[in-house]
Amino acid sequence: MMTEEEKIFAGKMFDPRKQELKDIKHKAHIACQKYNTMDEYDPERSPIIQEFIGKIGKVYYFQGPIQFNYGSHTFIGENFFANFNLTVMDDARIYIGDNVCFGPNVSLMATSHPLIAQERMGLDDEGKTTMAEYADEIHIGDNVWIACNTVVIGGVHIGNNVVIGAGSVVTKDIPDNYLAYGNPCRPIRPITEADSKKSLILPEDMEHFSYNLKKFEK
């Protein structure tokens, strides 16, 4: 027989209230609770992420508060930043690339319920709720900025060098190098050199921002 976690990864129906899954989630929930109560300058705060996350690079920052459902199902690359109120429903696995930043109130929702009400939930003979869920992975590429109040739905692939505009609901794949926004989110246009804001950099800040610019030099 498959474990409940194996059912998730196989794309089958699972019950999130099974003790096996509750125990995995509880570890992440307690860690997030601890993280959210600590001062942002406390050197012991950042390492808490490593206690429950599936994988993460050496350089990362979560402004907090944060809420991960499993944590162990999320895999994040190098140089990651998340602003206030990150919610990660990582029932299915979530993969995030390098140099990714999230604005406030971003939600990654890699889980879902059946649309038919009777399939969604019931009561067993002991009066306990039987909840049905299924989950699809989320993939986010390198060099992605997801702006504030965006929701990314399970099954979505977001390409490299993408910007997702504020307030978007991402239900379908977004190709590389595109600005996308809306509800539902859709690709609007390619991001080009015409979008450059290098002219806003003061001369005294040019050396500081050289690390941002050198990757684009020919």
N, C-alpha and C. Protein backbone atom coordinates (compact mmCIF):
# COMPACT_ATOMS: atom_id res chain seq x y z
N MET A 1 0.83 -1.21 0.00
CA MET A 1 0.00 0.00 0.00
C MET A 1 0.86 1.25 0.00
N MET A 2 0.39 2.29 -0.68
CA MET A 2 1.10 3.56 -0.73
C MET A 2 0.87 4.34 0.56
N THR A 3 1.90 5.05 1.00
CA THR A 3 1.71 5.99 2.10
C THR A 3 0.94 7.19 1.58
N GLU A 4 0.41 8.01 2.49
CA GLU A 4 -0.31 9.20 2.06
C GLU A 4 0.60 10.15 1.29
N GLU A 5 1.85 10.28 1.73
CA GLU A 5 2.80 11.16 1.04
C GLU A 5 3.10 10.63 -0.35
N GLU A 6 3.23 9.32 -0.49
CA GLU A 6 3.47 8.73 -1.80
C GLU A 6 2.29 8.98 -2.73
N LYS A 7 1.08 8.97 -2.18
CA LYS A 7 -0.10 9.27 -2.99
C LYS A 7 -0.04 10.69 -3.53
N ILE A 8 0.42 11.63 -2.71
CA ILE A 8 0.56 13.03 -3.16
C ILE A 8 1.47 13.09 -4.38
N PHE A 9 2.65 12.50 -4.23
CA PHE A 9 3.66 12.61 -5.29
C PHE A 9 3.26 11.83 -6.54
N ALA A 10 2.35 10.86 -6.40
CA ALA A 10 1.88 10.09 -7.55
C ALA A 10 0.68 10.75 -8.22
N GLY A 11 0.24 11.88 -7.68
CA GLY A 11 -0.89 12.59 -8.26
C GLY A 11 -2.24 11.97 -7.94
N LYS A 12 -2.29 11.16 -6.87
CA LYS A 12 -3.54 10.50 -6.48
C LYS A 12 -4.23 11.27 -5.36
N MET A 13 -5.47 10.88 -5.08
CA MET A 13 -6.21 11.51 -3.99
C MET A 13 -5.60 11.10 -2.65
N PHE A 14 -5.56 12.06 -1.72
CA PHE A 14 -5.04 11.77 -0.39
C PHE A 14 -5.87 12.51 0.64
N ASP A 15 -5.73 12.11 1.88
CA ASP A 15 -6.46 12.74 2.98
C ASP A 15 -5.47 13.50 3.85
N PRO A 16 -5.50 14.84 3.82
CA PRO A 16 -4.53 15.64 4.57
C PRO A 16 -4.68 15.49 6.08
N ARG A 17 -5.75 14.87 6.54
CA ARG A 17 -5.98 14.72 7.98
C ARG A 17 -5.42 13.41 8.52
N LYS A 18 -4.83 12.61 7.66
CA LYS A 18 -4.19 11.40 8.14
C LYS A 18 -2.99 11.77 9.03
N GLN A 19 -2.78 11.02 10.08
CA GLN A 19 -1.76 11.37 11.06
C GLN A 19 -0.37 11.46 10.44
N GLU A 20 -0.09 10.59 9.49
CA GLU A 20 1.21 10.61 8.81
C GLU A 20 1.53 11.99 8.26
N LEU A 21 0.56 12.60 7.60
CA LEU A 21 0.77 13.92 7.00
C LEU A 21 0.72 15.02 8.05
N LYS A 22 -0.15 14.88 9.02
CA LYS A 22 -0.24 15.89 10.08
C LYS A 22 1.08 16.02 10.82
N ASP A 23 1.78 14.90 11.02
CA ASP A 23 3.06 14.95 11.73
C ASP A 23 4.12 15.70 10.93
N ILE A 24 4.14 15.48 9.59
CA ILE A 24 5.10 16.20 8.75
C ILE A 24 4.81 17.70 8.79
N LYS A 25 3.53 18.04 8.63
CA LYS A 25 3.13 19.45 8.61
C LYS A 25 3.37 20.13 9.96
N HIS A 26 3.14 19.39 11.02
CA HIS A 26 3.30 19.99 12.35
C HIS A 26 4.71 20.51 12.58
N LYS A 27 5.70 19.77 12.09
CA LYS A 27 7.10 20.20 12.23
C LYS A 27 7.31 21.56 11.57
N ALA A 28 6.76 21.71 10.35
CA ALA A 28 6.89 22.98 9.63
C ALA A 28 6.10 24.09 10.31
N HIS A 29 4.91 23.77 10.78
CA HIS A 29 4.06 24.78 11.41
C HIS A 29 4.70 25.34 12.68
N ILE A 30 5.29 24.46 13.49
CA ILE A 30 5.95 24.90 14.72
C ILE A 30 7.17 25.76 14.39
N ALA A 31 7.94 25.35 13.38
CA ALA A 31 9.12 26.11 12.99
C ALA A 31 8.73 27.50 12.47
N CYS A 32 7.66 27.57 11.67
CA CYS A 32 7.20 28.86 11.15
C CYS A 32 6.72 29.75 12.30
N GLN A 33 6.01 29.16 13.22
CA GLN A 33 5.53 29.91 14.38
C GLN A 33 6.71 30.51 15.15
N LYS A 34 7.74 29.71 15.35
CA LYS A 34 8.95 30.18 16.05
C LYS A 34 9.62 31.31 15.27
N TYR A 35 9.76 31.10 13.96
CA TYR A 35 10.39 32.09 13.09
C TYR A 35 9.66 33.43 13.17
N ASN A 36 8.35 33.37 13.15
CA ASN A 36 7.53 34.58 13.09
C ASN A 36 7.56 35.39 14.38
N THR A 37 7.95 34.77 15.48
CA THR A 37 8.00 35.48 16.76
C THR A 37 9.37 36.10 17.03
N MET A 38 10.36 35.80 16.20
CA MET A 38 11.72 36.25 16.47
C MET A 38 12.02 37.58 15.79
N ASP A 39 12.95 38.34 16.39
CA ASP A 39 13.39 39.60 15.82
C ASP A 39 14.14 39.35 14.52
N GLU A 40 13.93 40.19 13.53
CA GLU A 40 14.55 39.99 12.21
C GLU A 40 16.07 40.10 12.25
N TYR A 41 16.63 40.72 13.29
CA TYR A 41 18.09 40.82 13.43
C TYR A 41 18.68 39.68 14.24
N ASP A 42 17.85 38.80 14.76
CA ASP A 42 18.34 37.68 15.57
C ASP A 42 19.07 36.69 14.66
N PRO A 43 20.37 36.43 14.91
CA PRO A 43 21.13 35.52 14.04
C PRO A 43 20.62 34.09 14.08
N GLU A 44 19.81 33.76 15.07
CA GLU A 44 19.27 32.40 15.17
C GLU A 44 18.00 32.22 14.34
N ARG A 45 17.49 33.31 13.79
CA ARG A 45 16.22 33.25 13.06
C ARG A 45 16.35 32.56 11.71
N SER A 46 17.27 33.01 10.89
CA SER A 46 17.39 32.49 9.53
C SER A 46 17.65 30.98 9.47
N PRO A 47 18.50 30.41 10.33
CA PRO A 47 18.75 28.96 10.25
C PRO A 47 17.53 28.09 10.52
N ILE A 48 16.47 28.65 11.10
CA ILE A 48 15.26 27.87 11.36
C ILE A 48 14.68 27.33 10.05
N ILE A 49 14.84 28.08 8.95
CA ILE A 49 14.33 27.64 7.65
C ILE A 49 14.91 26.27 7.30
N GLN A 50 16.16 26.06 7.60
CA GLN A 50 16.83 24.81 7.23
C GLN A 50 16.33 23.61 8.03
N GLU A 51 15.60 23.88 9.11
CA GLU A 51 15.09 22.79 9.94
C GLU A 51 13.94 22.05 9.27
N PHE A 52 13.24 22.71 8.33
CA PHE A 52 12.05 22.07 7.76
C PHE A 52 11.98 22.11 6.24
N ILE A 53 12.82 22.92 5.59
CA ILE A 53 12.74 23.07 4.15
C ILE A 53 13.34 21.86 3.44
N GLY A 54 12.83 21.54 2.23
CA GLY A 54 13.39 20.42 1.49
C GLY A 54 14.84 20.68 1.09
N LYS A 55 15.08 21.88 0.53
CA LYS A 55 16.43 22.30 0.15
C LYS A 55 16.40 23.79 -0.10
N ILE A 56 17.52 24.45 0.21
CA ILE A 56 17.62 25.89 -0.04
C ILE A 56 19.09 26.27 -0.19
N GLY A 57 19.36 27.32 -0.99
CA GLY A 57 20.73 27.79 -1.17
C GLY A 57 21.30 28.42 0.09
N LYS A 58 22.54 28.85 0.00
CA LYS A 58 23.22 29.44 1.15
C LYS A 58 22.74 30.84 1.45
N VAL A 59 22.31 31.56 0.43
CA VAL A 59 21.89 32.96 0.59
C VAL A 59 20.37 33.05 0.40
N TYR A 60 19.67 33.48 1.46
CA TYR A 60 18.21 33.63 1.39
C TYR A 60 17.76 34.55 2.51
N TYR A 61 16.58 35.12 2.33
CA TYR A 61 15.98 35.95 3.38
C TYR A 61 14.46 35.92 3.26
N PHE A 62 13.81 35.62 4.37
CA PHE A 62 12.35 35.67 4.47
C PHE A 62 12.00 36.77 5.46
N GLN A 63 11.33 37.81 4.98
CA GLN A 63 10.97 38.90 5.87
C GLN A 63 10.04 38.40 6.99
N GLY A 64 9.12 37.53 6.64
CA GLY A 64 8.15 37.03 7.61
C GLY A 64 7.00 38.01 7.78
N PRO A 65 5.88 37.58 8.30
CA PRO A 65 5.67 36.18 8.70
C PRO A 65 5.57 35.23 7.51
N ILE A 66 5.89 33.98 7.79
CA ILE A 66 5.83 32.93 6.77
C ILE A 66 4.92 31.81 7.24
N GLN A 67 4.37 31.07 6.28
CA GLN A 67 3.61 29.86 6.61
C GLN A 67 3.80 28.83 5.52
N PHE A 68 4.51 27.75 5.86
CA PHE A 68 4.66 26.60 4.98
C PHE A 68 3.77 25.49 5.49
N ASN A 69 3.15 24.75 4.56
CA ASN A 69 2.31 23.64 4.98
C ASN A 69 3.14 22.41 5.31
N TYR A 70 4.07 22.05 4.41
CA TYR A 70 4.97 20.93 4.65
C TYR A 70 6.41 21.39 4.79
N GLY A 71 6.82 22.33 3.96
CA GLY A 71 8.21 22.79 4.01
C GLY A 71 9.15 21.81 3.34
N SER A 72 9.09 20.57 3.74
CA SER A 72 9.98 19.54 3.20
C SER A 72 9.69 19.24 1.73
N HIS A 73 8.58 19.73 1.22
CA HIS A 73 8.24 19.53 -0.19
C HIS A 73 8.66 20.72 -1.07
N THR A 74 9.36 21.70 -0.48
CA THR A 74 9.78 22.90 -1.21
C THR A 74 11.29 22.92 -1.39
N PHE A 75 11.73 23.24 -2.61
CA PHE A 75 13.15 23.22 -2.97
C PHE A 75 13.49 24.55 -3.63
N ILE A 76 14.38 25.32 -2.99
CA ILE A 76 14.68 26.70 -3.40
C ILE A 76 16.16 26.84 -3.74
N GLY A 77 16.45 27.57 -4.81
CA GLY A 77 17.83 27.77 -5.25
C GLY A 77 18.56 28.84 -4.46
N GLU A 78 19.60 29.40 -5.07
CA GLU A 78 20.46 30.38 -4.43
C GLU A 78 19.89 31.79 -4.56
N ASN A 79 20.16 32.61 -3.54
CA ASN A 79 19.85 34.04 -3.56
C ASN A 79 18.34 34.27 -3.68
N PHE A 80 17.61 33.83 -2.66
CA PHE A 80 16.15 33.94 -2.64
C PHE A 80 15.71 35.00 -1.65
N PHE A 81 14.65 35.74 -2.01
CA PHE A 81 14.08 36.74 -1.11
C PHE A 81 12.56 36.67 -1.14
N ALA A 82 11.95 36.70 0.04
CA ALA A 82 10.48 36.76 0.14
C ALA A 82 10.10 37.88 1.10
N ASN A 83 9.20 38.74 0.69
CA ASN A 83 8.73 39.84 1.52
C ASN A 83 7.65 39.33 2.48
N PHE A 84 6.91 40.25 3.10
CA PHE A 84 5.93 39.91 4.13
C PHE A 84 4.89 38.89 3.66
N ASN A 85 4.48 38.03 4.59
CA ASN A 85 3.29 37.18 4.43
C ASN A 85 3.37 36.19 3.27
N LEU A 86 4.44 35.41 3.26
CA LEU A 86 4.56 34.34 2.27
C LEU A 86 3.78 33.12 2.75
N THR A 87 2.90 32.59 1.88
CA THR A 87 2.16 31.38 2.18
C THR A 87 2.50 30.32 1.13
N VAL A 88 2.95 29.16 1.61
CA VAL A 88 3.37 28.09 0.70
C VAL A 88 2.60 26.81 1.06
N MET A 89 1.60 26.50 0.25
CA MET A 89 0.85 25.25 0.41
C MET A 89 1.52 24.20 -0.47
N ASP A 90 2.60 23.65 0.05
CA ASP A 90 3.43 22.73 -0.72
C ASP A 90 3.05 21.28 -0.47
N ASP A 91 1.77 20.96 -0.70
CA ASP A 91 1.37 19.56 -0.63
C ASP A 91 2.12 18.79 -1.72
N ALA A 92 2.00 19.23 -2.96
CA ALA A 92 2.89 18.74 -4.02
C ALA A 92 4.22 19.47 -3.90
N ARG A 93 5.21 18.95 -4.59
CA ARG A 93 6.53 19.59 -4.53
C ARG A 93 6.51 20.93 -5.26
N ILE A 94 7.31 21.87 -4.73
CA ILE A 94 7.47 23.19 -5.34
C ILE A 94 8.96 23.40 -5.57
N TYR A 95 9.31 23.78 -6.80
CA TYR A 95 10.70 24.02 -7.17
C TYR A 95 10.88 25.49 -7.57
N ILE A 96 11.82 26.16 -6.93
CA ILE A 96 12.09 27.58 -7.17
C ILE A 96 13.57 27.72 -7.53
N GLY A 97 13.86 28.46 -8.60
CA GLY A 97 15.23 28.58 -9.09
C GLY A 97 16.07 29.58 -8.34
N ASP A 98 17.16 30.02 -8.98
CA ASP A 98 18.10 30.99 -8.40
C ASP A 98 17.62 32.43 -8.66
N ASN A 99 18.03 33.33 -7.78
CA ASN A 99 17.78 34.77 -7.95
C ASN A 99 16.29 35.07 -8.13
N VAL A 100 15.49 34.53 -7.22
CA VAL A 100 14.05 34.72 -7.26
C VAL A 100 13.63 35.61 -6.10
N CYS A 101 12.72 36.55 -6.36
CA CYS A 101 12.22 37.40 -5.28
C CYS A 101 10.70 37.48 -5.35
N PHE A 102 10.09 37.48 -4.17
CA PHE A 102 8.64 37.56 -4.02
C PHE A 102 8.27 38.85 -3.30
N GLY A 103 7.23 39.53 -3.76
CA GLY A 103 6.69 40.67 -3.06
C GLY A 103 5.83 40.22 -1.89
N PRO A 104 5.20 41.18 -1.18
CA PRO A 104 4.33 40.83 -0.06
C PRO A 104 3.10 40.03 -0.50
N ASN A 105 2.66 39.15 0.38
CA ASN A 105 1.40 38.42 0.21
C ASN A 105 1.37 37.51 -1.01
N VAL A 106 2.50 36.89 -1.31
CA VAL A 106 2.54 35.89 -2.38
C VAL A 106 2.11 34.54 -1.81
N SER A 107 1.29 33.83 -2.57
CA SER A 107 0.82 32.51 -2.15
C SER A 107 1.09 31.49 -3.25
N LEU A 108 1.75 30.40 -2.90
CA LEU A 108 1.98 29.28 -3.80
C LEU A 108 1.07 28.15 -3.35
N MET A 109 0.12 27.75 -4.20
CA MET A 109 -0.96 26.85 -3.79
C MET A 109 -0.89 25.54 -4.58
N ALA A 110 0.03 24.68 -4.19
CA ALA A 110 0.22 23.41 -4.89
C ALA A 110 -0.68 22.32 -4.29
N THR A 111 -1.96 22.59 -4.25
CA THR A 111 -2.92 21.61 -3.77
C THR A 111 -4.31 22.01 -4.24
N SER A 112 -5.24 21.05 -4.26
CA SER A 112 -6.59 21.35 -4.70
C SER A 112 -7.56 20.31 -4.15
N HIS A 113 -8.86 20.57 -4.30
CA HIS A 113 -9.93 19.67 -3.88
C HIS A 113 -10.82 19.36 -5.09
N PRO A 114 -11.52 18.23 -5.05
CA PRO A 114 -12.49 17.93 -6.11
C PRO A 114 -13.59 19.00 -6.18
N LEU A 115 -14.09 19.25 -7.38
CA LEU A 115 -15.16 20.22 -7.55
C LEU A 115 -16.51 19.66 -7.08
N ILE A 116 -16.70 18.37 -7.26
CA ILE A 116 -17.95 17.75 -6.84
C ILE A 116 -17.99 17.67 -5.32
N ALA A 117 -19.01 18.25 -4.72
CA ALA A 117 -19.07 18.40 -3.27
C ALA A 117 -18.94 17.08 -2.52
N GLN A 118 -19.65 16.06 -2.97
CA GLN A 118 -19.64 14.78 -2.25
C GLN A 118 -18.25 14.15 -2.28
N GLU A 119 -17.50 14.38 -3.36
CA GLU A 119 -16.14 13.85 -3.44
C GLU A 119 -15.18 14.61 -2.53
N ARG A 120 -15.53 15.84 -2.24
CA ARG A 120 -14.60 16.73 -1.53
C ARG A 120 -14.47 16.39 -0.04
N MET A 121 -15.57 16.13 0.64
CA MET A 121 -15.49 15.83 2.06
C MET A 121 -16.71 15.06 2.53
N GLY A 122 -16.51 14.28 3.58
CA GLY A 122 -17.60 13.50 4.14
C GLY A 122 -17.38 13.25 5.62
N LEU A 123 -18.25 12.45 6.23
CA LEU A 123 -18.14 12.07 7.63
C LEU A 123 -18.11 10.55 7.72
N ASP A 124 -17.12 10.01 8.44
CA ASP A 124 -17.06 8.56 8.58
C ASP A 124 -17.98 8.09 9.71
N ASP A 125 -17.96 6.81 10.00
CA ASP A 125 -18.85 6.23 11.00
C ASP A 125 -18.58 6.73 12.41
N GLU A 126 -17.38 7.29 12.62
CA GLU A 126 -17.02 7.82 13.93
C GLU A 126 -17.27 9.32 14.03
N GLY A 127 -17.85 9.89 12.97
CA GLY A 127 -18.13 11.32 12.99
C GLY A 127 -16.94 12.19 12.68
N LYS A 128 -15.91 11.60 12.07
CA LYS A 128 -14.71 12.36 11.71
C LYS A 128 -14.76 12.74 10.23
N THR A 129 -14.24 13.94 9.95
CA THR A 129 -14.24 14.42 8.57
C THR A 129 -13.25 13.64 7.72
N THR A 130 -13.69 13.21 6.54
CA THR A 130 -12.78 12.65 5.53
C THR A 130 -12.62 13.71 4.44
N MET A 131 -11.42 14.23 4.33
CA MET A 131 -11.12 15.31 3.39
C MET A 131 -10.35 14.76 2.20
N ALA A 132 -10.74 15.11 1.00
CA ALA A 132 -10.06 14.64 -0.21
C ALA A 132 -9.31 15.78 -0.87
N GLU A 133 -8.03 15.55 -1.15
CA GLU A 133 -7.20 16.51 -1.88
C GLU A 133 -6.39 15.77 -2.94
N TYR A 134 -5.96 16.53 -3.93
CA TYR A 134 -4.96 16.07 -4.88
C TYR A 134 -4.06 17.26 -5.17
N ALA A 135 -2.87 17.03 -5.68
CA ALA A 135 -1.90 18.13 -5.77
C ALA A 135 -1.02 18.01 -7.00
N ASP A 136 -0.73 19.16 -7.61
CA ASP A 136 0.18 19.26 -8.76
C ASP A 136 1.34 20.17 -8.42
N GLU A 137 2.51 19.84 -8.92
CA GLU A 137 3.72 20.60 -8.63
C GLU A 137 3.68 22.02 -9.20
N ILE A 138 4.49 22.89 -8.61
CA ILE A 138 4.75 24.23 -9.13
C ILE A 138 6.24 24.33 -9.44
N HIS A 139 6.56 24.87 -10.61
CA HIS A 139 7.96 25.08 -11.01
C HIS A 139 8.15 26.56 -11.35
N ILE A 140 9.11 27.19 -10.69
CA ILE A 140 9.45 28.60 -10.92
C ILE A 140 10.91 28.66 -11.32
N GLY A 141 11.21 29.30 -12.46
CA GLY A 141 12.56 29.32 -13.00
C GLY A 141 13.51 30.27 -12.29
N ASP A 142 14.64 30.55 -12.94
CA ASP A 142 15.65 31.47 -12.42
C ASP A 142 15.28 32.92 -12.75
N ASN A 143 15.76 33.83 -11.91
CA ASN A 143 15.65 35.28 -12.18
C ASN A 143 14.20 35.72 -12.33
N VAL A 144 13.35 35.25 -11.44
CA VAL A 144 11.92 35.56 -11.49
C VAL A 144 11.55 36.52 -10.36
N TRP A 145 10.73 37.51 -10.70
CA TRP A 145 10.14 38.40 -9.69
C TRP A 145 8.63 38.20 -9.73
N ILE A 146 8.07 37.80 -8.59
CA ILE A 146 6.63 37.67 -8.45
C ILE A 146 6.16 38.78 -7.53
N ALA A 147 5.39 39.72 -8.06
CA ALA A 147 5.01 40.92 -7.32
C ALA A 147 3.88 40.62 -6.33
N CYS A 148 3.54 41.64 -5.54
CA CYS A 148 2.66 41.48 -4.38
C CYS A 148 1.28 40.95 -4.74
N ASN A 149 0.70 40.24 -3.77
CA ASN A 149 -0.69 39.75 -3.86
C ASN A 149 -0.94 38.80 -5.03
N THR A 150 0.09 38.06 -5.40
CA THR A 150 -0.02 37.08 -6.48
C THR A 150 -0.27 35.69 -5.92
N VAL A 151 -1.12 34.94 -6.60
CA VAL A 151 -1.40 33.54 -6.26
C VAL A 151 -0.96 32.67 -7.43
N VAL A 152 -0.14 31.67 -7.15
CA VAL A 152 0.29 30.72 -8.17
C VAL A 152 -0.37 29.38 -7.86
N ILE A 153 -1.10 28.83 -8.83
CA ILE A 153 -1.87 27.61 -8.66
C ILE A 153 -1.03 26.39 -9.05
N GLY A 154 -1.32 25.26 -8.43
CA GLY A 154 -0.63 24.02 -8.71
C GLY A 154 -0.68 23.64 -10.19
N GLY A 155 0.40 23.02 -10.66
CA GLY A 155 0.51 22.60 -12.05
C GLY A 155 1.16 23.61 -12.96
N VAL A 156 1.46 24.81 -12.44
CA VAL A 156 2.00 25.90 -13.25
C VAL A 156 3.53 25.82 -13.34
N HIS A 157 4.04 26.13 -14.54
CA HIS A 157 5.48 26.31 -14.77
C HIS A 157 5.71 27.77 -15.17
N ILE A 158 6.51 28.48 -14.40
CA ILE A 158 6.90 29.86 -14.71
C ILE A 158 8.34 29.82 -15.20
N GLY A 159 8.58 30.38 -16.37
CA GLY A 159 9.90 30.29 -16.99
C GLY A 159 10.95 31.17 -16.35
N ASN A 160 12.12 31.21 -16.96
CA ASN A 160 13.24 32.04 -16.49
C ASN A 160 13.03 33.50 -16.88
N ASN A 161 13.56 34.42 -16.06
CA ASN A 161 13.57 35.86 -16.37
C ASN A 161 12.16 36.43 -16.54
N VAL A 162 11.24 35.91 -15.75
CA VAL A 162 9.83 36.32 -15.83
C VAL A 162 9.50 37.31 -14.73
N VAL A 163 8.63 38.26 -15.01
CA VAL A 163 8.04 39.14 -14.00
C VAL A 163 6.53 38.91 -14.01
N ILE A 164 5.99 38.60 -12.82
CA ILE A 164 4.55 38.45 -12.65
C ILE A 164 4.02 39.69 -11.94
N GLY A 165 3.12 40.42 -12.57
CA GLY A 165 2.62 41.67 -12.04
C GLY A 165 1.74 41.49 -10.81
N ALA A 166 1.59 42.56 -10.06
CA ALA A 166 0.85 42.55 -8.80
C ALA A 166 -0.59 42.10 -8.99
N GLY A 167 -1.08 41.33 -8.01
CA GLY A 167 -2.47 40.92 -8.01
C GLY A 167 -2.83 39.83 -9.00
N SER A 168 -1.85 39.16 -9.55
CA SER A 168 -2.13 38.14 -10.56
C SER A 168 -2.56 36.82 -9.94
N VAL A 169 -3.32 36.06 -10.70
CA VAL A 169 -3.65 34.68 -10.35
C VAL A 169 -3.12 33.82 -11.50
N VAL A 170 -2.03 33.09 -11.22
CA VAL A 170 -1.32 32.37 -12.28
C VAL A 170 -1.88 30.95 -12.36
N THR A 171 -2.63 30.68 -13.41
CA THR A 171 -3.27 29.38 -13.59
C THR A 171 -2.68 28.58 -14.74
N LYS A 172 -1.88 29.25 -15.60
CA LYS A 172 -1.29 28.58 -16.75
C LYS A 172 0.19 28.93 -16.85
N ASP A 173 0.93 28.15 -17.63
CA ASP A 173 2.37 28.34 -17.77
C ASP A 173 2.70 29.71 -18.36
N ILE A 174 3.84 30.26 -17.93
CA ILE A 174 4.35 31.54 -18.45
C ILE A 174 5.72 31.28 -19.07
N PRO A 175 5.92 31.69 -20.34
CA PRO A 175 7.20 31.40 -21.00
C PRO A 175 8.34 32.29 -20.51
N ASP A 176 9.56 31.89 -20.84
CA ASP A 176 10.76 32.65 -20.47
C ASP A 176 10.67 34.10 -20.96
N ASN A 177 11.27 35.00 -20.17
CA ASN A 177 11.53 36.39 -20.59
C ASN A 177 10.28 37.22 -20.81
N TYR A 178 9.19 36.87 -20.13
CA TYR A 178 7.94 37.61 -20.34
C TYR A 178 7.50 38.38 -19.10
N LEU A 179 6.89 39.54 -19.34
CA LEU A 179 6.08 40.22 -18.35
C LEU A 179 4.68 39.65 -18.46
N ALA A 180 4.13 39.22 -17.32
CA ALA A 180 2.79 38.62 -17.32
C ALA A 180 2.01 39.16 -16.13
N TYR A 181 0.73 39.37 -16.32
CA TYR A 181 -0.11 39.79 -15.20
C TYR A 181 -1.57 39.57 -15.54
N GLY A 182 -2.41 39.72 -14.52
CA GLY A 182 -3.86 39.61 -14.71
C GLY A 182 -4.48 38.47 -13.95
N ASN A 183 -5.80 38.43 -13.98
CA ASN A 183 -6.58 37.36 -13.36
C ASN A 183 -7.62 36.90 -14.38
N PRO A 184 -7.34 35.79 -15.09
CA PRO A 184 -6.15 34.95 -14.94
C PRO A 184 -4.91 35.60 -15.55
N CYS A 185 -3.76 35.25 -15.01
CA CYS A 185 -2.49 35.82 -15.49
C CYS A 185 -2.21 35.33 -16.92
N ARG A 186 -1.71 36.24 -17.75
CA ARG A 186 -1.38 35.88 -19.13
C ARG A 186 -0.12 36.63 -19.55
N PRO A 187 0.66 36.07 -20.45
CA PRO A 187 1.84 36.77 -20.96
C PRO A 187 1.43 38.03 -21.70
N ILE A 188 2.03 39.17 -21.35
CA ILE A 188 1.68 40.44 -21.97
C ILE A 188 2.65 40.79 -23.10
N ARG A 189 3.93 40.70 -22.79
CA ARG A 189 4.94 41.02 -23.81
C ARG A 189 6.31 40.56 -23.32
N PRO A 190 7.26 40.39 -24.24
CA PRO A 190 8.62 40.06 -23.82
C PRO A 190 9.26 41.23 -23.07
N ILE A 191 10.13 40.93 -22.14
CA ILE A 191 10.94 41.94 -21.46
C ILE A 191 12.18 42.18 -22.31
N THR A 192 12.45 43.44 -22.64
CA THR A 192 13.56 43.78 -23.53
C THR A 192 14.46 44.84 -22.90
N GLU A 193 15.52 45.19 -23.61
CA GLU A 193 16.45 46.22 -23.15
C GLU A 193 15.75 47.55 -22.99
N ALA A 194 14.64 47.76 -23.68
CA ALA A 194 13.88 49.00 -23.55
C ALA A 194 13.29 49.17 -22.15
N ASP A 195 13.25 48.09 -21.39
CA ASP A 195 12.74 48.15 -20.01
C ASP A 195 13.81 48.52 -19.00
N SER A 196 15.03 48.74 -19.45
CA SER A 196 16.13 49.03 -18.54
C SER A 196 15.89 50.29 -17.72
N LYS A 197 16.28 50.24 -16.45
CA LYS A 197 16.22 51.40 -15.55
C LYS A 197 17.62 51.79 -15.07
N LYS A 198 18.64 51.42 -15.83
CA LYS A 198 20.02 51.74 -15.45
C LYS A 198 20.23 53.23 -15.29
N SER A 199 19.46 54.03 -16.02
CA SER A 199 19.62 55.49 -15.97
C SER A 199 19.26 56.05 -14.59
N LEU A 200 18.58 55.28 -13.77
CA LEU A 200 18.19 55.75 -12.43
C LEU A 200 19.29 55.56 -11.39
N ILE A 201 20.36 54.87 -11.77
CA ILE A 201 21.46 54.62 -10.83
C ILE A 201 22.36 55.85 -10.74
N LEU A 202 22.55 56.36 -9.53
CA LEU A 202 23.46 57.49 -9.31
C LEU A 202 24.90 57.06 -9.52
N PRO A 203 25.77 57.99 -9.95
CA PRO A 203 27.18 57.64 -10.17
C PRO A 203 27.83 57.01 -8.95
N GLU A 204 27.49 57.52 -7.74
CA GLU A 204 28.11 56.98 -6.54
C GLU A 204 27.62 55.57 -6.18
N ASP A 205 26.53 55.13 -6.85
CA ASP A 205 26.01 53.79 -6.59
C ASP A 205 26.35 52.79 -7.69
N MET A 206 27.05 53.25 -8.71
CA MET A 206 27.31 52.39 -9.86
C MET A 206 28.13 51.15 -9.47
N GLU A 207 29.12 51.33 -8.61
CA GLU A 207 29.93 50.18 -8.20
C GLU A 207 29.08 49.18 -7.42
N HIS A 208 28.22 49.69 -6.54
CA HIS A 208 27.36 48.82 -5.74
C HIS A 208 26.46 47.97 -6.63
N PHE A 209 25.85 48.59 -7.63
CA PHE A 209 24.92 47.88 -8.50
C PHE A 209 25.60 47.18 -9.67
N SER A 210 26.93 47.23 -9.72
CA SER A 210 27.65 46.55 -10.80
C SER A 210 27.37 45.05 -10.79
N TYR A 211 27.07 44.50 -9.62
CA TYR A 211 26.77 43.07 -9.53
C TYR A 211 25.44 42.73 -10.20
N ASN A 212 24.57 43.71 -10.25
CA ASN A 212 23.29 43.52 -10.96
C ASN A 212 23.45 43.65 -12.46
N LEU A 213 24.41 44.46 -12.89
CA LEU A 213 24.52 44.80 -14.30
C LEU A 213 25.46 43.86 -15.07
N LYS A 214 26.45 43.28 -14.39
CA LYS A 214 27.49 42.56 -15.12
C LYS A 214 26.97 41.32 -15.84
N LYS A 215 25.89 40.72 -15.30
CA LYS A 215 25.35 39.50 -15.93
C LYS A 215 24.75 39.79 -17.29
N PHE A 216 24.42 41.08 -17.56
CA PHE A 216 23.80 41.44 -18.82
C PHE A 216 24.80 41.98 -19.83
N GLU A 217 26.05 42.15 -19.40
CA GLU A 217 27.07 42.65 -20.32
C GLU A 217 27.46 41.58 -21.31
N LYS A 218 27.70 41.98 -22.54
CA LYS A 218 28.08 41.03 -23.60
C LYS A 218 29.53 40.65 -23.44
